[in-house]
C-alpha cells in the first residue's frame, strides 16, 4: 500500500455520523459507515440506560470493546474507551480508527488509503500539525481562533477571512451540511411578535442576553461587537435548562434544531445566527499531493444535496 493519509475525526455523535455519511457516498463504503454508526448509537444508548443491556453493563464494557474491535485488520474499525470524570458517568465506547483503501477511486493514486483517527478535538490536533486533514465542528473554530470584529459573521464561507495566519495554519475547506443553528430567542414581552427578532433588533436593545459560558466568544463573533453595545451576558445556573434560563432572562441565544422546547417555555424564535456545522479542515503546510487529491474527493456538496437545492 502506498501513502496513507490520516484524517482526524470526532470520536462520536452527530459530527462523526456526518463524516461517515460523506465517506459512504464518496467512497462507496455504506456497510462500514453503518457498522460504526450503529455500534456507537447502541453504546450511547447503553451509557444513557435507554436500552436493555446485560446486567452490569459497565462491568462488561471491555468484553464489548473486544467484540467490536478487529485489531489484526486495519480495514475493520477499532474502538476505545472514553473516560468521563463527571460523577456518575460511566466509561463509553467510542471510535478509534479504521483504514479505507482508495483503489479504483478517481483522481487518487490506486495504492493510496485514508486512515480515520478518532480525536476528542480534531481541530486542535490539526493546529499542532499532527494531521493534514480533519473534520470538526465549526463552533470550535469560532470559540478559539476567529477575530472579533464590529461586523457579524454569519456564513461558514467567511470564517477563513477571520483567521489570523499568525495564529494557525488550519483553514476551513467545506461544510458537510449537517446544520443546526445558533438561534436568537426571546419572550414576547422583550420582543413583541410584531417586531423582527434579529441582529437589527439587538442593536437597539440594552440588557441581558443569556448564553452558555463556552459560547461567549462565538456569540461575540456571530453577532459582531457593535451589535452587543449595551448588552451584558448572563449564564444559566448549573443544572438549569438553557431555554428555561433564556425565558427567565427574556432574551438569549441557543443551539436548536426545531425550537419546539423553546416554544414550550413561551419563547419566540428569531434569526438563525450561525450554522453549527461539521466542516472539513486542512493544515495547509501539511497537504501533500495525495492529501490534496483526498481533499478534492471530500470537498463540495453531495449530489443528493445539490439536486435538492436545485429542485
C-alpha atoms as a PDB file:
ATOM      1  CA  UNK A   1       0.000   0.000   0.000  1.00  0.00           C
ATOM      2  CA  UNK A   2       1.258   3.475  -0.884  1.00  0.00           C
ATOM      3  CA  UNK A   3       0.714   6.696   1.029  1.00  0.00           C
ATOM      4  CA  UNK A   4      -1.875   6.570   3.788  1.00  0.00           C
ATOM      5  CA  UNK A   5      -3.450   9.919   4.669  1.00  0.00           C
ATOM      6  CA  UNK A   6      -4.517  10.117   8.337  1.00  0.00           C
ATOM      7  CA  UNK A   7      -7.671  12.185   8.871  1.00  0.00           C
ATOM      8  CA  UNK A   8      -8.678  13.382  12.332  1.00  0.00           C
ATOM      9  CA  UNK A   9     -12.371  12.837  13.051  1.00  0.00           C
ATOM     10  CA  UNK A  10     -14.642  13.193  16.098  1.00  0.00           C
ATOM     11  CA  UNK A  11     -14.936  10.096  18.260  1.00  0.00           C
ATOM     12  CA  UNK A  12     -18.739  10.021  18.455  1.00  0.00           C
ATOM     13  CA  UNK A  13     -22.006  11.831  17.880  1.00  0.00           C
ATOM     14  CA  UNK A  14     -23.595  13.750  15.025  1.00  0.00           C
ATOM     15  CA  UNK A  15     -20.321  15.163  13.632  1.00  0.00           C
ATOM     16  CA  UNK A  16     -18.800  11.690  13.239  1.00  0.00           C
ATOM     17  CA  UNK A  17     -22.007  10.380  11.659  1.00  0.00           C
ATOM     18  CA  UNK A  18     -21.903  13.257   9.168  1.00  0.00           C
ATOM     19  CA  UNK A  19     -18.321  12.368   8.250  1.00  0.00           C
ATOM     20  CA  UNK A  20     -19.229   8.704   7.819  1.00  0.00           C
ATOM     21  CA  UNK A  21     -22.198   9.638   5.648  1.00  0.00           C
ATOM     22  CA  UNK A  22     -19.943  11.730   3.392  1.00  0.00           C
ATOM     23  CA  UNK A  23     -17.425   8.879   3.122  1.00  0.00           C
ATOM     24  CA  UNK A  24     -20.155   6.317   2.455  1.00  0.00           C
ATOM     25  CA  UNK A  25     -21.298   8.353  -0.548  1.00  0.00           C
ATOM     26  CA  UNK A  26     -17.896   9.331  -1.905  1.00  0.00           C
ATOM     27  CA  UNK A  27     -16.026   6.064  -1.323  1.00  0.00           C
ATOM     28  CA  UNK A  28     -18.905   3.603  -1.640  1.00  0.00           C
ATOM     29  CA  UNK A  29     -18.448   2.175   1.873  1.00  0.00           C
ATOM     30  CA  UNK A  30     -22.016   2.270   3.244  1.00  0.00           C
ATOM     31  CA  UNK A  31     -21.660  -1.011   5.146  1.00  0.00           C
ATOM     32  CA  UNK A  32     -18.599   0.249   7.025  1.00  0.00           C
ATOM     33  CA  UNK A  33     -20.295   3.553   7.839  1.00  0.00           C
ATOM     34  CA  UNK A  34     -23.460   1.805   9.016  1.00  0.00           C
ATOM     35  CA  UNK A  35     -21.441  -0.603  11.168  1.00  0.00           C
ATOM     36  CA  UNK A  36     -19.641   2.192  13.004  1.00  0.00           C
ATOM     37  CA  UNK A  37     -22.756   4.337  13.365  1.00  0.00           C
ATOM     38  CA  UNK A  38     -24.958   1.524  14.690  1.00  0.00           C
ATOM     39  CA  UNK A  39     -22.277   0.384  17.147  1.00  0.00           C
ATOM     40  CA  UNK A  40     -21.813   3.854  18.602  1.00  0.00           C
ATOM     41  CA  UNK A  41     -25.540   4.540  18.771  1.00  0.00           C
ATOM     42  CA  UNK A  42     -26.020   1.316  20.697  1.00  0.00           C
ATOM     43  CA  UNK A  43     -23.205   2.194  23.093  1.00  0.00           C
ATOM     44  CA  UNK A  44     -24.664   5.663  23.616  1.00  0.00           C
ATOM     45  CA  UNK A  45     -27.984   4.061  24.499  1.00  0.00           C
ATOM     46  CA  UNK A  46     -26.240   1.661  26.904  1.00  0.00           C
ATOM     47  CA  UNK A  47     -24.435   4.576  28.551  1.00  0.00           C
ATOM     48  CA  UNK A  48     -27.670   6.524  28.950  1.00  0.00           C
ATOM     49  CA  UNK A  49     -29.577   3.445  30.126  1.00  0.00           C
ATOM     50  CA  UNK A  50     -32.190   3.736  27.357  1.00  0.00           C
ATOM     51  CA  UNK A  51     -31.750   0.151  26.088  1.00  0.00           C
ATOM     52  CA  UNK A  52     -31.772  -3.139  27.880  1.00  0.00           C
ATOM     53  CA  UNK A  53     -28.230  -4.351  28.337  1.00  0.00           C
ATOM     54  CA  UNK A  54     -26.767  -7.301  30.135  1.00  0.00           C
ATOM     55  CA  UNK A  55     -26.511  -6.944  33.928  1.00  0.00           C
ATOM     56  CA  UNK A  56     -23.527  -4.865  34.993  1.00  0.00           C
ATOM     57  CA  UNK A  57     -23.095  -3.374  31.505  1.00  0.00           C
ATOM     58  CA  UNK A  58     -20.331  -1.169  32.823  1.00  0.00           C
ATOM     59  CA  UNK A  59     -18.507  -4.194  34.167  1.00  0.00           C
ATOM     60  CA  UNK A  60     -18.673  -5.904  30.749  1.00  0.00           C
ATOM     61  CA  UNK A  61     -17.527  -2.885  28.752  1.00  0.00           C
ATOM     62  CA  UNK A  62     -14.136  -4.468  28.000  1.00  0.00           C
ATOM     63  CA  UNK A  63     -15.779  -7.576  26.600  1.00  0.00           C
ATOM     64  CA  UNK A  64     -17.959  -5.486  24.282  1.00  0.00           C
ATOM     65  CA  UNK A  65     -14.916  -3.446  23.282  1.00  0.00           C
ATOM     66  CA  UNK A  66     -13.083  -6.649  22.299  1.00  0.00           C
ATOM     67  CA  UNK A  67     -16.107  -7.886  20.369  1.00  0.00           C
ATOM     68  CA  UNK A  68     -16.370  -4.679  18.353  1.00  0.00           C
ATOM     69  CA  UNK A  69     -12.686  -4.198  17.525  1.00  0.00           C
ATOM     70  CA  UNK A  70     -10.678  -6.101  14.893  1.00  0.00           C
ATOM     71  CA  UNK A  71      -7.095  -5.359  15.851  1.00  0.00           C
ATOM     72  CA  UNK A  72      -5.440  -7.572  13.222  1.00  0.00           C
ATOM     73  CA  UNK A  73      -7.203  -5.951  10.230  1.00  0.00           C
ATOM     74  CA  UNK A  74      -6.772  -2.176   9.885  1.00  0.00           C
ATOM     75  CA  UNK A  75      -9.618  -2.030   7.336  1.00  0.00           C
ATOM     76  CA  UNK A  76     -12.054  -3.049  10.091  1.00  0.00           C
ATOM     77  CA  UNK A  77     -12.968  -0.479  12.746  1.00  0.00           C
ATOM     78  CA  UNK A  78     -11.342  -0.293  16.137  1.00  0.00           C
ATOM     79  CA  UNK A  79     -12.864   1.337  19.192  1.00  0.00           C
ATOM     80  CA  UNK A  80     -11.585   2.612  22.501  1.00  0.00           C
ATOM     81  CA  UNK A  81     -12.897   3.759  25.874  1.00  0.00           C
ATOM     82  CA  UNK A  82     -13.649   7.375  26.608  1.00  0.00           C
ATOM     83  CA  UNK A  83     -13.224   8.012  30.309  1.00  0.00           C
ATOM     84  CA  UNK A  84     -15.613  10.565  31.758  1.00  0.00           C
ATOM     85  CA  UNK A  85     -14.562  12.154  35.030  1.00  0.00           C
ATOM     86  CA  UNK A  86     -18.027  13.534  35.800  1.00  0.00           C
ATOM     87  CA  UNK A  87     -19.740  11.929  38.777  1.00  0.00           C
ATOM     88  CA  UNK A  88     -21.989   9.040  37.824  1.00  0.00           C
ATOM     89  CA  UNK A  89     -20.879   8.991  34.183  1.00  0.00           C
ATOM     90  CA  UNK A  90     -19.644   5.555  33.053  1.00  0.00           C
ATOM     91  CA  UNK A  91     -16.898   4.858  30.568  1.00  0.00           C
ATOM     92  CA  UNK A  92     -18.150   4.935  26.999  1.00  0.00           C
ATOM     93  CA  UNK A  93     -17.003   3.027  23.910  1.00  0.00           C
ATOM     94  CA  UNK A  94     -16.089   5.453  21.131  1.00  0.00           C
ATOM     95  CA  UNK A  95     -14.484   5.284  17.694  1.00  0.00           C
ATOM     96  CA  UNK A  96     -10.711   4.899  17.463  1.00  0.00           C
ATOM     97  CA  UNK A  97      -9.579   4.189  13.879  1.00  0.00           C
ATOM     98  CA  UNK A  98     -10.119   2.447  10.531  1.00  0.00           C
ATOM     99  CA  UNK A  99      -8.180   2.375   7.252  1.00  0.00           C
ATOM    100  CA  UNK A 100     -10.024   2.683   3.933  1.00  0.00           C
ATOM    101  CA  UNK A 101      -8.110   1.732   0.738  1.00  0.00           C
ATOM    102  CA  UNK A 102      -8.717   4.083  -2.198  1.00  0.00           C
ATOM    103  CA  UNK A 103      -8.091   1.633  -5.003  1.00  0.00           C
ATOM    104  CA  UNK A 104     -10.229   2.477  -8.012  1.00  0.00           C
ATOM    105  CA  UNK A 105     -11.205   5.928  -6.719  1.00  0.00           C
ATOM    106  CA  UNK A 106     -10.934   8.540  -9.465  1.00  0.00           C
ATOM    107  CA  UNK A 107      -8.234  11.168  -9.011  1.00  0.00           C
ATOM    108  CA  UNK A 108      -6.401   9.333  -6.223  1.00  0.00           C
ATOM    109  CA  UNK A 109      -3.371   7.012  -6.594  1.00  0.00           C
ATOM    110  CA  UNK A 110      -4.539   3.369  -6.666  1.00  0.00           C
ATOM    111  CA  UNK A 111      -2.260   2.318  -3.830  1.00  0.00           C
ATOM    112  CA  UNK A 112      -3.295   5.171  -1.506  1.00  0.00           C
ATOM    113  CA  UNK A 113      -5.531   4.908   1.545  1.00  0.00           C
ATOM    114  CA  UNK A 114      -7.038   7.080   4.228  1.00  0.00           C
ATOM    115  CA  UNK A 115      -6.990   6.327   7.934  1.00  0.00           C
ATOM    116  CA  UNK A 116      -9.725   7.832  10.075  1.00  0.00           C
ATOM    117  CA  UNK A 117      -8.319   8.577  13.522  1.00  0.00           C
ATOM    118  CA  UNK A 118     -10.635   9.471  16.389  1.00  0.00           C
ATOM    119  CA  UNK A 119      -9.742  12.572  18.393  1.00  0.00           C
ATOM    120  CA  UNK A 120     -11.595  14.368  21.155  1.00  0.00           C
ATOM    121  CA  UNK A 121     -10.903  17.721  19.485  1.00  0.00           C
ATOM    122  CA  UNK A 122      -9.746  17.194  15.877  1.00  0.00           C
ATOM    123  CA  UNK A 123      -9.314  20.918  15.245  1.00  0.00           C
ATOM    124  CA  UNK A 124      -6.692  21.167  17.967  1.00  0.00           C
ATOM    125  CA  UNK A 125      -4.864  18.140  16.549  1.00  0.00           C
ATOM    126  CA  UNK A 126      -4.662  19.953  13.204  1.00  0.00           C
ATOM    127  CA  UNK A 127      -3.411  23.106  14.924  1.00  0.00           C
ATOM    128  CA  UNK A 128      -0.394  21.156  16.193  1.00  0.00           C
ATOM    129  CA  UNK A 129       0.284  19.830  12.650  1.00  0.00           C
ATOM    130  CA  UNK A 130      -0.489  16.205  13.587  1.00  0.00           C
ATOM    131  CA  UNK A 131      -2.793  15.939  10.559  1.00  0.00           C
ATOM    132  CA  UNK A 132      -3.109  17.497   7.130  1.00  0.00           C
ATOM    133  CA  UNK A 133      -6.884  16.909   7.025  1.00  0.00           C
ATOM    134  CA  UNK A 134      -9.629  16.585   9.607  1.00  0.00           C
ATOM    135  CA  UNK A 135     -13.257  17.186  10.472  1.00  0.00           C
ATOM    136  CA  UNK A 136     -14.672  19.104  13.417  1.00  0.00           C
ATOM    137  CA  UNK A 137     -17.466  21.457  14.419  1.00  0.00           C
ATOM    138  CA  UNK A 138     -17.231  24.994  13.070  1.00  0.00           C
ATOM    139  CA  UNK A 139     -18.151  26.137  16.587  1.00  0.00           C
ATOM    140  CA  UNK A 140     -14.742  25.260  17.978  1.00  0.00           C
ATOM    141  CA  UNK A 141     -13.022  27.422  15.370  1.00  0.00           C
ATOM    142  CA  UNK A 142     -15.162  30.412  16.344  1.00  0.00           C
ATOM    143  CA  UNK A 143     -14.538  29.739  20.011  1.00  0.00           C
ATOM    144  CA  UNK A 144     -10.757  29.668  19.573  1.00  0.00           C
ATOM    145  CA  UNK A 145      -9.299  31.499  16.596  1.00  0.00           C
ATOM    146  CA  UNK A 146     -11.628  33.810  14.652  1.00  0.00           C
ATOM    147  CA  UNK A 147     -11.056  37.528  15.097  1.00  0.00           C
ATOM    148  CA  UNK A 148     -13.774  39.528  16.835  1.00  0.00           C
ATOM    149  CA  UNK A 149     -14.904  42.430  14.653  1.00  0.00           C
ATOM    150  CA  UNK A 150     -17.698  45.013  14.776  1.00  0.00           C
ATOM    151  CA  UNK A 151     -19.386  43.299  11.831  1.00  0.00           C
ATOM    152  CA  UNK A 152     -21.225  39.977  12.342  1.00  0.00           C
ATOM    153  CA  UNK A 153     -20.099  36.618  10.984  1.00  0.00           C
ATOM    154  CA  UNK A 154     -22.970  34.567   9.616  1.00  0.00           C
ATOM    155  CA  UNK A 155     -21.564  32.165   6.985  1.00  0.00           C
ATOM    156  CA  UNK A 156     -19.127  29.257   7.064  1.00  0.00           C
ATOM    157  CA  UNK A 157     -17.652  30.636   3.844  1.00  0.00           C
ATOM    158  CA  UNK A 158     -16.455  33.763   5.688  1.00  0.00           C
ATOM    159  CA  UNK A 159     -14.647  32.008   8.543  1.00  0.00           C
ATOM    160  CA  UNK A 160     -11.217  31.818   6.860  1.00  0.00           C
ATOM    161  CA  UNK A 161     -11.142  35.584   6.369  1.00  0.00           C
ATOM    162  CA  UNK A 162     -11.398  35.956  10.151  1.00  0.00           C
ATOM    163  CA  UNK A 163      -8.463  33.632  10.949  1.00  0.00           C
ATOM    164  CA  UNK A 164      -5.118  35.309  11.646  1.00  0.00           C
ATOM    165  CA  UNK A 165      -2.436  33.428   9.643  1.00  0.00           C
ATOM    166  CA  UNK A 166      -0.010  34.018  12.507  1.00  0.00           C
ATOM    167  CA  UNK A 167      -2.362  32.193  14.883  1.00  0.00           C
ATOM    168  CA  UNK A 168      -2.942  28.939  12.989  1.00  0.00           C
ATOM    169  CA  UNK A 169      -2.335  27.233   9.638  1.00  0.00           C
ATOM    170  CA  UNK A 170      -5.728  25.490   9.755  1.00  0.00           C
ATOM    171  CA  UNK A 171      -8.367  26.539   7.231  1.00  0.00           C
ATOM    172  CA  UNK A 172     -11.952  25.518   6.512  1.00  0.00           C
ATOM    173  CA  UNK A 173     -12.386  23.654   3.211  1.00  0.00           C
ATOM    174  CA  UNK A 174     -16.134  22.971   3.173  1.00  0.00           C
ATOM    175  CA  UNK A 175     -19.148  22.265   5.350  1.00  0.00           C
ATOM    176  CA  UNK A 176     -20.998  18.954   5.412  1.00  0.00           C
ATOM    177  CA  UNK A 177     -24.494  20.392   5.596  1.00  0.00           C
ATOM    178  CA  UNK A 178     -25.446  18.841   8.957  1.00  0.00           C
ATOM    179  CA  UNK A 179     -26.664  22.241  10.023  1.00  0.00           C
ATOM    180  CA  UNK A 180     -28.019  23.150  13.440  1.00  0.00           C
ATOM    181  CA  UNK A 181     -28.365  26.869  14.080  1.00  0.00           C
ATOM    182  CA  UNK A 182     -27.449  29.139  16.957  1.00  0.00           C
ATOM    183  CA  UNK A 183     -30.782  30.943  17.161  1.00  0.00           C
ATOM    184  CA  UNK A 184     -31.911  34.166  18.789  1.00  0.00           C
ATOM    185  CA  UNK A 185     -34.830  33.624  21.190  1.00  0.00           C
ATOM    186  CA  UNK A 186     -36.916  35.988  23.321  1.00  0.00           C
ATOM    187  CA  UNK A 187     -40.041  36.214  25.419  1.00  0.00           C
ATOM    188  CA  UNK A 188     -42.964  38.181  23.919  1.00  0.00           C
ATOM    189  CA  UNK A 189     -42.596  40.969  26.472  1.00  0.00           C
ATOM    190  CA  UNK A 190     -38.986  41.600  25.345  1.00  0.00           C
ATOM    191  CA  UNK A 191     -39.644  41.171  21.629  1.00  0.00           C
ATOM    192  CA  UNK A 192     -43.353  41.548  20.776  1.00  0.00           C
ATOM    193  CA  UNK A 193     -44.390  39.293  17.917  1.00  0.00           C
ATOM    194  CA  UNK A 194     -44.705  42.277  15.580  1.00  0.00           C
ATOM    195  CA  UNK A 195     -41.012  43.109  15.954  1.00  0.00           C
ATOM    196  CA  UNK A 196     -38.300  41.335  13.962  1.00  0.00           C
ATOM    197  CA  UNK A 197     -36.095  39.384  16.355  1.00  0.00           C
ATOM    198  CA  UNK A 198     -32.761  39.742  14.601  1.00  0.00           C
ATOM    199  CA  UNK A 199     -29.400  41.494  14.751  1.00  0.00           C
ATOM    200  CA  UNK A 200     -31.061  44.837  13.973  1.00  0.00           C
ATOM    201  CA  UNK A 201     -33.318  44.343  16.980  1.00  0.00           C
ATOM    202  CA  UNK A 202     -30.258  43.680  19.149  1.00  0.00           C
ATOM    203  CA  UNK A 203     -28.593  46.902  18.013  1.00  0.00           C
ATOM    204  CA  UNK A 204     -31.346  48.830  19.759  1.00  0.00           C
ATOM    205  CA  UNK A 205     -31.560  46.505  22.757  1.00  0.00           C
ATOM    206  CA  UNK A 206     -29.926  47.080  26.135  1.00  0.00           C
ATOM    207  CA  UNK A 207     -29.940  44.448  28.819  1.00  0.00           C
ATOM    208  CA  UNK A 208     -29.264  40.784  29.467  1.00  0.00           C
ATOM    209  CA  UNK A 209     -28.503  38.142  26.843  1.00  0.00           C
ATOM    210  CA  UNK A 210     -28.493  34.578  28.197  1.00  0.00           C
ATOM    211  CA  UNK A 211     -25.937  32.185  26.681  1.00  0.00           C
ATOM    212  CA  UNK A 212     -23.858  29.160  27.626  1.00  0.00           C
ATOM    213  CA  UNK A 213     -20.487  30.419  29.004  1.00  0.00           C
ATOM    214  CA  UNK A 214     -18.462  28.398  26.483  1.00  0.00           C
ATOM    215  CA  UNK A 215     -20.235  30.176  23.615  1.00  0.00           C
ATOM    216  CA  UNK A 216     -19.347  33.713  24.736  1.00  0.00           C
ATOM    217  CA  UNK A 217     -16.649  34.269  22.118  1.00  0.00           C
ATOM    218  CA  UNK A 218     -18.695  32.545  19.427  1.00  0.00           C
ATOM    219  CA  UNK A 219     -21.694  34.784  20.129  1.00  0.00           C
ATOM    220  CA  UNK A 220     -19.465  37.860  20.021  1.00  0.00           C
ATOM    221  CA  UNK A 221     -18.169  36.752  16.625  1.00  0.00           C
ATOM    222  CA  UNK A 222     -21.521  35.926  15.025  1.00  0.00           C
ATOM    223  CA  UNK A 223     -23.328  38.998  16.348  1.00  0.00           C
ATOM    224  CA  UNK A 224     -20.459  41.455  15.958  1.00  0.00           C
ATOM    225  CA  UNK A 225     -19.132  43.599  18.774  1.00  0.00           C
ATOM    226  CA  UNK A 226     -21.059  46.653  17.550  1.00  0.00           C
ATOM    227  CA  UNK A 227     -24.381  44.823  17.923  1.00  0.00           C
ATOM    228  CA  UNK A 228     -23.503  43.954  21.525  1.00  0.00           C
ATOM    229  CA  UNK A 229     -23.098  47.546  22.722  1.00  0.00           C
ATOM    230  CA  UNK A 230     -25.273  47.875  25.821  1.00  0.00           C
ATOM    231  CA  UNK A 231     -25.721  44.119  26.140  1.00  0.00           C
ATOM    232  CA  UNK A 232     -24.378  42.048  29.032  1.00  0.00           C
ATOM    233  CA  UNK A 233     -24.181  38.254  29.160  1.00  0.00           C
ATOM    234  CA  UNK A 234     -25.987  36.107  31.683  1.00  0.00           C
ATOM    235  CA  UNK A 235     -25.435  32.367  32.108  1.00  0.00           C
ATOM    236  CA  UNK A 236     -27.769  29.527  33.129  1.00  0.00           C
ATOM    237  CA  UNK A 237     -27.350  28.346  36.677  1.00  0.00           C
ATOM    238  CA  UNK A 238     -25.826  24.901  36.968  1.00  0.00           C
ATOM    239  CA  UNK A 239     -28.424  22.274  36.194  1.00  0.00           C
ATOM    240  CA  UNK A 240     -30.863  24.809  34.756  1.00  0.00           C
ATOM    241  CA  UNK A 241     -32.226  24.036  31.272  1.00  0.00           C
ATOM    242  CA  UNK A 242     -30.917  26.581  28.749  1.00  0.00           C
ATOM    243  CA  UNK A 243     -34.295  27.540  27.290  1.00  0.00           C
ATOM    244  CA  UNK A 244     -35.747  27.969  30.773  1.00  0.00           C
ATOM    245  CA  UNK A 245     -32.862  30.277  31.683  1.00  0.00           C
ATOM    246  CA  UNK A 246     -33.420  32.281  28.487  1.00  0.00           C
ATOM    247  CA  UNK A 247     -37.099  32.642  29.389  1.00  0.00           C
ATOM    248  CA  UNK A 248     -36.054  33.996  32.804  1.00  0.00           C
ATOM    249  CA  UNK A 249     -33.636  36.487  31.222  1.00  0.00           C
ATOM    250  CA  UNK A 250     -36.030  37.434  28.421  1.00  0.00           C
ATOM    251  CA  UNK A 251     -33.513  37.123  25.585  1.00  0.00           C
ATOM    252  CA  UNK A 252     -30.830  34.633  24.638  1.00  0.00           C
ATOM    253  CA  UNK A 253     -29.035  32.520  22.039  1.00  0.00           C
ATOM    254  CA  UNK A 254     -29.388  28.755  21.938  1.00  0.00           C
ATOM    255  CA  UNK A 255     -28.395  25.918  19.614  1.00  0.00           C
ATOM    256  CA  UNK A 256     -31.625  24.356  18.369  1.00  0.00           C
ATOM    257  CA  UNK A 257     -32.931  22.046  15.666  1.00  0.00           C
ATOM    258  CA  UNK A 258     -36.685  22.676  15.702  1.00  0.00           C
ATOM    259  CA  UNK A 259     -37.221  25.146  18.527  1.00  0.00           C
ATOM    260  CA  UNK A 260     -40.019  23.001  19.993  1.00  0.00           C
ATOM    261  CA  UNK A 261     -38.586  23.086  23.523  1.00  0.00           C
ATOM    262  CA  UNK A 262     -38.130  26.843  23.271  1.00  0.00           C
ATOM    263  CA  UNK A 263     -41.809  27.243  22.403  1.00  0.00           C
ATOM    264  CA  UNK A 264     -42.678  25.110  25.422  1.00  0.00           C
ATOM    265  CA  UNK A 265     -41.077  27.854  27.508  1.00  0.00           C
ATOM    266  CA  UNK A 266     -43.030  30.591  25.714  1.00  0.00           C
ATOM    267  CA  UNK A 267     -40.061  31.770  23.660  1.00  0.00           C
ATOM    268  CA  UNK A 268     -40.278  33.290  20.201  1.00  0.00           C
ATOM    269  CA  UNK A 269     -37.718  32.106  17.645  1.00  0.00           C
ATOM    270  CA  UNK A 270     -35.776  34.802  15.871  1.00  0.00           C
ATOM    271  CA  UNK A 271     -32.881  34.961  13.423  1.00  0.00           C
ATOM    272  CA  UNK A 272     -30.748  31.891  12.796  1.00  0.00           C
ATOM    273  CA  UNK A 273     -27.392  33.465  13.572  1.00  0.00           C
ATOM    274  CA  UNK A 274     -24.785  30.907  12.552  1.00  0.00           C
ATOM    275  CA  UNK A 275     -24.747  27.280  11.381  1.00  0.00           C
ATOM    276  CA  UNK A 276     -23.224  24.821  13.820  1.00  0.00           C
ATOM    277  CA  UNK A 277     -21.928  22.563  11.083  1.00  0.00           C
ATOM    278  CA  UNK A 278     -19.289  19.859  10.759  1.00  0.00           C
ATOM    279  CA  UNK A 279     -16.546  21.144   8.463  1.00  0.00           C
ATOM    280  CA  UNK A 280     -13.646  19.655   6.532  1.00  0.00           C
ATOM    281  CA  UNK A 281     -10.386  21.270   7.654  1.00  0.00           C
ATOM    282  CA  UNK A 282      -6.856  21.336   6.319  1.00  0.00           C
ATOM    283  CA  UNK A 283      -3.498  22.235   7.826  1.00  0.00           C
ATOM    284  CA  UNK A 284      -2.212  23.894   4.674  1.00  0.00           C
ATOM    285  CA  UNK A 285       1.565  23.290   5.029  1.00  0.00           C
ATOM    286  CA  UNK A 286       0.993  19.561   5.642  1.00  0.00           C
ATOM    287  CA  UNK A 287      -1.056  18.888   2.482  1.00  0.00           C
ATOM    288  CA  UNK A 288       0.830  16.547   0.122  1.00  0.00           C
ATOM    289  CA  UNK A 289      -0.251  15.818  -3.448  1.00  0.00           C
ATOM    290  CA  UNK A 290      -2.107  12.720  -2.267  1.00  0.00           C
ATOM    291  CA  UNK A 291      -3.743  14.638   0.582  1.00  0.00           C
ATOM    292  CA  UNK A 292      -4.819  17.286  -1.920  1.00  0.00           C
ATOM    293  CA  UNK A 293      -6.430  14.573  -4.060  1.00  0.00           C
ATOM    294  CA  UNK A 294      -8.278  13.242  -0.994  1.00  0.00           C
ATOM    295  CA  UNK A 295      -9.337  16.775  -0.071  1.00  0.00           C
ATOM    296  CA  UNK A 296     -10.772  17.270  -3.564  1.00  0.00           C
ATOM    297  CA  UNK A 297     -12.621  13.967  -3.260  1.00  0.00           C
ATOM    298  CA  UNK A 298     -14.234  15.010   0.023  1.00  0.00           C
ATOM    299  CA  UNK A 299     -14.908  18.631  -0.941  1.00  0.00           C
ATOM    300  CA  UNK A 300     -18.202  20.034  -2.221  1.00  0.00           C
ATOM    301  CA  UNK A 301     -21.829  19.118  -1.681  1.00  0.00           C
ATOM    302  CA  UNK A 302     -23.151  15.609  -2.138  1.00  0.00           C
ATOM    303  CA  UNK A 303     -25.113  15.038  -5.331  1.00  0.00           C
ATOM    304  CA  UNK A 304     -28.355  14.467  -3.429  1.00  0.00           C
ATOM    305  CA  UNK A 305     -27.902  17.809  -1.662  1.00  0.00           C
ATOM    306  CA  UNK A 306     -27.198  19.606  -4.940  1.00  0.00           C
ATOM    307  CA  UNK A 307     -30.311  18.093  -6.532  1.00  0.00           C
ATOM    308  CA  UNK A 308     -32.428  19.068  -3.537  1.00  0.00           C
ATOM    309  CA  UNK A 309     -31.208  22.663  -3.745  1.00  0.00           C
ATOM    310  CA  UNK A 310     -31.882  22.803  -7.489  1.00  0.00           C
ATOM    311  CA  UNK A 311     -35.423  21.493  -7.077  1.00  0.00           C
END
